[in-house]
Amino acid sequence: MKLQFEIVPVEYGKRGALYSIRYKGEKKTEIDKFLDCVMVQACNDYEALVLRLYDMVELFGFRPGYFKLEEGSYYDSVVALHYENGPLRLYCLRRSSLLLIVGYGGLKFTDTYQEDPVLDEAVRNLQIIDAMLDKRQKSREIIINPNTGIMDGDLVFTSDD
């Protein structure tokens, strides 16, 4: 399956760069859709998770301890951000301690994300995006600054990729 999307900056801070995905034909990024979701906002962990994102960008970076690692597979950079083992999940690509690309998520009430169609789609899409990003990094079409996490290059992915 080919996805058409762009990777867009959300926030640059002292400790890292936060990006999100915007699919072709959509006005909102995945993080905006996540943050605007009424069910997500109603979750007790919502404000704490949003604050944690801000703290990571400004104060702490995207340390492994904040995420459930290897959420997708051993070979990709898909992780889940959650707070205190609550049901709220935000799936991301943790590319380094300085770079986080946020996808989508929701409330997880199943044993595995694969059992929930929304969460499964979020992770599968991020796995595809991760592979496409790897390809562009290897060809040097995208360069990631090792000191800031800021991405430079062609961040628009079409069906030709």
Protein backbone atom coordinates (compact mmCIF):
# COMPACT_ATOMS: atom_id res chain seq x y z
CA MET A 1 0.00 0.00 0.00
CA LYS A 2 1.31 3.43 -0.95
CA LEU A 3 0.61 6.37 1.30
CA GLN A 4 0.68 9.98 0.16
CA PHE A 5 1.64 12.37 2.93
CA GLU A 6 4.00 15.03 4.13
CA ILE A 7 5.97 15.32 7.33
CA VAL A 8 5.33 18.73 8.86
CA PRO A 9 7.00 20.50 11.79
CA VAL A 10 4.87 20.94 14.90
CA GLU A 11 7.34 22.43 17.35
CA TYR A 12 11.06 22.97 17.75
CA GLY A 13 12.38 23.20 21.28
CA LYS A 14 15.58 23.23 23.29
CA ARG A 15 15.65 19.42 23.50
CA GLY A 16 14.17 18.26 20.22
CA ALA A 17 12.05 18.61 17.14
CA LEU A 18 8.45 17.41 17.01
CA TYR A 19 6.88 16.59 13.64
CA SER A 20 3.61 15.04 12.53
CA ILE A 21 2.09 13.46 9.44
CA ARG A 22 -0.46 15.11 7.17
CA TYR A 23 -2.04 12.79 4.62
CA LYS A 24 -2.81 14.04 1.13
CA GLY A 25 -6.19 15.75 0.92
CA GLU A 26 -6.45 16.34 4.68
CA LYS A 27 -6.20 19.71 6.38
CA LYS A 28 -5.22 18.46 9.82
CA THR A 29 -2.10 16.62 10.86
CA GLU A 30 -2.38 13.35 12.76
CA ILE A 31 -1.43 15.04 16.03
CA ASP A 32 -4.12 17.68 15.49
CA LYS A 33 -6.72 15.00 14.84
CA PHE A 34 -5.59 13.14 17.96
CA LEU A 35 -5.66 16.25 20.16
CA ASP A 36 -9.07 17.32 18.78
CA CYS A 37 -10.72 13.91 19.29
CA VAL A 38 -13.49 14.21 21.90
CA MET A 39 -12.91 10.68 23.25
CA VAL A 40 -9.18 11.40 23.63
CA GLN A 41 -9.85 14.73 25.37
CA ALA A 42 -12.23 13.01 27.82
CA CYS A 43 -9.49 10.62 28.96
CA ASN A 44 -8.06 11.33 32.41
CA ASP A 45 -4.51 11.16 31.01
CA TYR A 46 -5.07 13.67 28.20
CA GLU A 47 -3.64 16.79 29.86
CA ALA A 48 -0.72 14.89 31.39
CA LEU A 49 0.19 13.38 28.00
CA VAL A 50 0.05 16.78 26.27
CA LEU A 51 2.21 18.29 29.01
CA ARG A 52 4.68 15.42 28.70
CA LEU A 53 5.04 16.11 24.96
CA TYR A 54 5.79 19.77 25.68
CA ASP A 55 8.27 18.82 28.41
CA MET A 56 10.06 16.43 26.07
CA VAL A 57 10.45 19.10 23.38
CA GLU A 58 11.63 21.78 25.80
CA LEU A 59 13.29 20.01 28.73
CA PHE A 60 14.05 16.31 28.40
CA GLY A 61 14.18 15.16 24.78
CA PHE A 62 12.55 11.99 23.53
CA ARG A 63 14.16 9.57 25.96
CA PRO A 64 13.35 5.87 25.57
CA GLY A 65 11.87 5.71 29.07
CA TYR A 66 8.89 7.81 28.02
CA PHE A 67 7.76 5.29 25.42
CA LYS A 68 6.73 1.71 25.00
CA LEU A 69 9.48 0.71 22.59
CA GLU A 70 9.24 -1.75 19.72
CA GLU A 71 5.50 -1.25 19.51
CA GLY A 72 5.46 -2.06 15.81
CA SER A 73 8.24 -4.55 15.15
CA TYR A 74 11.87 -4.96 16.05
CA TYR A 75 12.90 -3.43 12.71
CA ASP A 76 11.06 -0.10 12.83
CA SER A 77 11.02 2.95 15.09
CA VAL A 78 7.32 2.81 16.04
CA VAL A 79 6.73 3.54 19.73
CA ALA A 80 3.70 4.31 21.89
CA LEU A 81 3.53 7.32 24.15
CA HIS A 82 1.24 6.85 27.10
CA TYR A 83 1.00 8.12 30.64
CA GLU A 84 1.10 5.94 33.75
CA ASN A 85 -0.14 2.86 31.86
CA GLY A 86 -3.49 4.54 31.22
CA PRO A 87 -5.51 3.62 28.11
CA LEU A 88 -4.46 6.65 26.04
CA ARG A 89 -1.94 5.82 23.31
CA LEU A 90 -0.19 8.10 20.85
CA TYR A 91 1.80 6.21 18.24
CA CYS A 92 4.99 7.85 17.00
CA LEU A 93 8.24 7.29 15.17
CA ARG A 94 11.03 7.89 17.67
CA ARG A 95 13.92 8.49 15.31
CA SER A 96 16.32 9.67 18.03
CA SER A 97 16.38 11.45 21.36
CA LEU A 98 16.01 14.67 19.36
CA LEU A 99 13.38 13.71 16.76
CA LEU A 100 9.83 12.48 17.20
CA ILE A 101 7.30 12.12 14.38
CA VAL A 102 3.79 11.84 15.79
CA GLY A 103 1.12 9.72 14.17
CA TYR A 104 -2.31 8.91 15.53
CA GLY A 105 -3.62 6.90 18.43
CA GLY A 106 -6.59 6.64 20.72
CA LEU A 107 -7.82 4.66 23.67
CA LYS A 108 -6.52 1.11 23.99
CA PHE A 109 -8.90 -1.27 25.73
CA THR A 110 -7.68 -4.45 24.04
CA ASP A 111 -4.73 -6.68 24.93
CA THR A 112 -2.88 -5.68 21.76
CA TYR A 113 -3.16 -2.76 19.37
CA GLN A 114 -3.77 -5.23 16.52
CA GLU A 115 -7.18 -6.05 18.00
CA ASP A 116 -8.34 -2.44 17.61
CA PRO A 117 -8.81 -1.38 13.94
CA VAL A 118 -8.01 2.31 14.57
CA LEU A 119 -4.83 1.61 16.53
CA ASP A 120 -3.76 -1.14 14.14
CA GLU A 121 -4.10 1.22 11.16
CA ALA A 122 -2.14 3.93 12.99
CA VAL A 123 0.77 1.55 13.64
CA ARG A 124 0.73 -0.01 10.15
CA ASN A 125 0.79 3.43 8.51
CA LEU A 126 3.71 4.49 10.68
CA GLN A 127 5.61 1.34 9.73
CA ILE A 128 5.19 2.21 6.04
CA ILE A 129 6.17 5.83 6.67
CA ASP A 130 9.22 4.70 8.64
CA ALA A 131 10.44 2.57 5.73
CA MET A 132 9.87 5.41 3.25
CA LEU A 133 11.74 7.83 5.50
CA ASP A 134 14.64 5.37 5.84
CA LYS A 135 14.90 5.17 2.07
CA ARG A 136 15.07 8.97 1.74
CA GLN A 137 17.66 9.23 4.50
CA LYS A 138 19.86 6.62 2.85
CA SER A 139 19.68 8.47 -0.49
CA ARG A 140 20.35 11.75 1.39
CA GLU A 141 17.14 13.33 0.10
CA ILE A 142 16.41 13.98 3.77
CA ILE A 143 19.05 15.07 6.24
CA ILE A 144 18.44 15.10 9.99
CA ASN A 145 20.53 17.51 11.98
CA PRO A 146 22.24 15.40 14.69
CA ASN A 147 22.31 18.34 17.12
CA THR A 148 18.70 19.56 16.81
CA GLY A 149 16.64 16.78 15.22
CA ILE A 150 15.45 19.23 12.55
CA MET A 151 14.77 17.57 9.20
CA ASP A 152 15.81 19.14 5.91
CA GLY A 153 14.97 17.97 2.41
CA ASP A 154 11.99 16.56 0.57
CA LEU A 155 9.37 15.79 3.21
CA VAL A 156 6.52 15.27 0.73
CA PHE A 157 5.88 11.62 -0.18
CA THR A 158 3.77 10.74 -3.21
CA SER A 159 2.59 7.51 -4.78
CA ASP A 160 5.84 7.49 -6.82
CA ASP A 161 7.92 6.79 -3.69
